[in-house]
Protein backbone atom coordinates (compact mmCIF):
# COMPACT_ATOMS: atom_id res chain seq x y z
CA MET A 1 0.18 0.03 -0.05
CA PHE A 2 2.89 2.44 0.81
CA LYS A 3 4.81 1.91 -2.58
CA ILE A 4 1.50 2.42 -4.27
CA ASN A 5 1.28 5.53 -2.15
CA LEU A 6 4.26 6.85 -3.41
CA ILE A 7 4.17 6.05 -6.82
CA LYS A 8 0.75 8.88 -6.94
CA GLN A 9 2.65 10.73 -5.29
CA PHE A 10 5.88 11.32 -7.38
CA PHE A 11 3.16 10.94 -10.65
CA VAL A 12 1.50 14.19 -9.32
CA PHE A 13 4.43 15.70 -8.95
CA VAL A 14 6.34 15.47 -12.43
CA ILE A 15 2.56 15.95 -13.81
CA PHE A 16 2.50 19.25 -11.28
CA SER A 17 5.85 20.20 -12.26
CA ALA A 18 5.63 19.64 -15.86
CA LEU A 19 2.32 22.51 -15.97
CA TYR A 20 4.36 25.08 -13.71
CA PHE A 21 7.58 25.12 -16.49
CA CYS A 22 5.87 24.70 -18.83
CA GLY A 23 3.13 27.99 -17.48
CA PHE A 24 6.54 29.55 -17.89
CA ALA A 25 7.83 29.17 -21.08
CA GLN A 26 9.24 31.97 -23.59
CA GLY A 27 9.70 31.74 -26.89
CA VAL A 28 11.47 28.81 -28.69
CA ALA A 29 15.38 29.99 -29.48
CA ILE A 30 16.81 27.61 -32.70
CA ASN A 31 21.14 28.62 -31.62
CA LEU A 32 24.36 27.11 -30.87
CA SER A 33 25.45 29.34 -28.25
CA GLY A 34 22.23 27.34 -25.86
CA ASN A 35 21.02 31.29 -25.44
CA GLU A 36 17.38 31.61 -24.17
CA ALA A 37 15.14 33.13 -26.31
CA HIS A 38 14.55 37.09 -25.99
CA GLU A 39 11.89 37.53 -23.58
CA SER A 40 10.08 39.53 -26.30
CA SER A 41 10.41 37.12 -28.60
CA ILE A 42 8.32 34.05 -29.84
CA LEU A 43 11.04 32.43 -32.22
CA ASP A 44 14.61 33.64 -31.72
CA VAL A 45 16.80 32.78 -34.32
CA GLU A 46 21.16 33.64 -33.86
CA SER A 47 24.29 32.11 -36.39
CA ILE A 48 26.42 33.32 -37.69
CA ASN A 49 27.29 31.81 -40.56
CA SER A 50 23.50 30.92 -42.18
CA GLY A 51 20.50 32.70 -43.41
CA PHE A 52 16.80 32.73 -42.44
CA LEU A 53 14.79 30.97 -45.12
CA LEU A 54 11.41 32.10 -45.97
CA PRO A 55 8.89 29.73 -47.14
CA ARG A 56 9.36 30.23 -50.89
CA MET A 57 5.78 29.33 -52.98
CA SER A 58 4.80 30.84 -56.75
CA ALA A 59 2.44 33.20 -56.91
CA THR A 60 -0.78 30.05 -57.58
CA GLN A 61 0.63 28.35 -54.74
CA ARG A 62 0.35 31.48 -52.27
CA ASP A 63 -3.09 32.34 -53.42
CA ALA A 64 -4.30 29.41 -52.57
CA ILE A 65 -3.50 30.08 -48.84
CA VAL A 66 -6.74 29.93 -47.03
CA GLU A 67 -7.12 33.17 -44.66
CA PRO A 68 -3.65 33.89 -44.55
CA ALA A 69 -2.90 35.47 -41.35
CA HIS A 70 -2.48 39.45 -41.47
CA SER A 71 1.71 40.73 -42.28
CA LEU A 72 2.20 36.27 -43.05
CA LEU A 73 5.74 36.47 -44.61
CA ILE A 74 6.36 34.83 -47.83
CA TYR A 75 8.99 34.50 -51.26
CA ASN A 76 7.51 34.84 -54.34
CA THR A 77 9.19 32.66 -56.91
CA SER A 78 7.28 34.55 -59.60
CA THR A 79 8.49 37.62 -59.27
CA ASN A 80 11.69 37.28 -57.61
CA CYS A 81 10.05 39.24 -54.46
CA PHE A 82 9.69 39.25 -50.38
CA GLU A 83 5.62 39.60 -49.88
CA ALA A 84 3.56 40.18 -46.97
CA TYR A 85 0.42 39.52 -46.72
CA ASN A 86 -2.06 42.94 -45.59
CA SER A 87 -5.30 41.83 -44.28
CA ASN A 88 -6.32 45.18 -44.60
CA THR A 89 -6.93 45.22 -47.85
CA SER A 90 -6.78 41.43 -48.93
CA GLU A 91 -4.07 42.38 -50.73
CA TRP A 92 -0.11 41.08 -51.02
CA VAL A 93 2.42 43.12 -51.09
CA LYS A 94 5.93 43.49 -52.21
CA ILE A 95 8.12 44.27 -49.55
CA SER A 96 11.15 44.24 -52.11
CA CYS A 97 12.61 42.25 -55.52
CA ILE A 98 15.61 40.31 -56.35
CA GLY A 99 16.83 41.39 -59.42
CA SER A 100 14.12 44.06 -59.66
CA GLU A 101 14.51 46.32 -62.39
CA ASP A 102 10.88 47.94 -62.17
CA PRO A 103 11.82 51.45 -61.25
CA CYS A 104 7.99 51.60 -59.24
CA ASP A 105 9.08 49.09 -56.89
CA SER A 106 9.74 51.59 -54.00
CA SER A 107 13.31 48.71 -53.19
CA LEU A 108 15.35 50.95 -55.50
CA PRO A 109 17.34 53.62 -54.82
CA SER A 110 15.43 56.60 -55.72
CA GLU A 111 17.66 57.86 -58.83
CA GLU A 112 17.88 61.22 -61.20
CA PRO A 113 16.32 60.11 -64.50
CA SER A 114 18.53 61.00 -67.73
CA GLY A 115 15.89 60.86 -70.07
CA ILE A 116 12.38 60.24 -71.05
CA SER A 117 11.57 60.78 -75.09
CA GLY A 118 7.77 59.64 -76.95
CA ASN A 119 5.31 58.05 -75.26
CA ASN A 120 6.23 56.03 -72.16
CA THR A 121 4.36 54.83 -69.11
CA ILE A 122 6.44 55.16 -66.17
CA CYS A 123 4.52 53.48 -62.64
CA GLU A 124 1.76 52.43 -64.31
CA GLY A 125 -0.87 52.78 -61.36
CA HIS A 126 1.47 54.74 -59.47
CA ASN A 127 1.23 58.65 -58.61
CA THR A 128 4.18 60.13 -60.79
CA ASN A 129 5.30 63.68 -59.94
CA LEU A 130 7.42 64.40 -63.25
CA SER A 131 10.05 68.09 -62.56
CA VAL A 132 12.01 69.64 -65.51
CA GLN A 133 14.93 71.40 -65.57
CA GLY A 134 17.57 73.31 -67.98
CA GLY A 135 16.08 75.28 -69.59
CA GLY A 136 12.65 73.61 -70.99
CA LEU A 137 11.08 70.54 -72.77
CA GLY A 138 12.34 69.71 -76.93
CA THR A 139 16.06 69.24 -78.52
CA ASP A 140 16.85 72.94 -77.92
CA ALA A 141 17.19 73.05 -74.01
């Protein structure tokens, strides 16, 4: 009888200990140093020789995600862009693109244009401000 009570007490101790420690758990730390996750982070990744790889998918696969969370991050392999979901507008927003030569891509540094000639569409769907310097338009400028 004494042995059965001791076993019951042991199991009760183990269960309460597990509940106690789970209640105070912080985020998850992934590192080789053994450091705990920062208290403000749910996921704390640390490395000196590796990067973080976001989920990679095509635009079709991305569009198949049911009810994406606000600010969900992916790498779109169709456009070579990092994207985040904006649930307020129900749209995927390009954060930055790799190898983009799109002048409308806000992730690219702003540079002075060398010139515009002919009929050109500049940043279709965007508001664009143009200024003319050097005496005006035409071949005599």
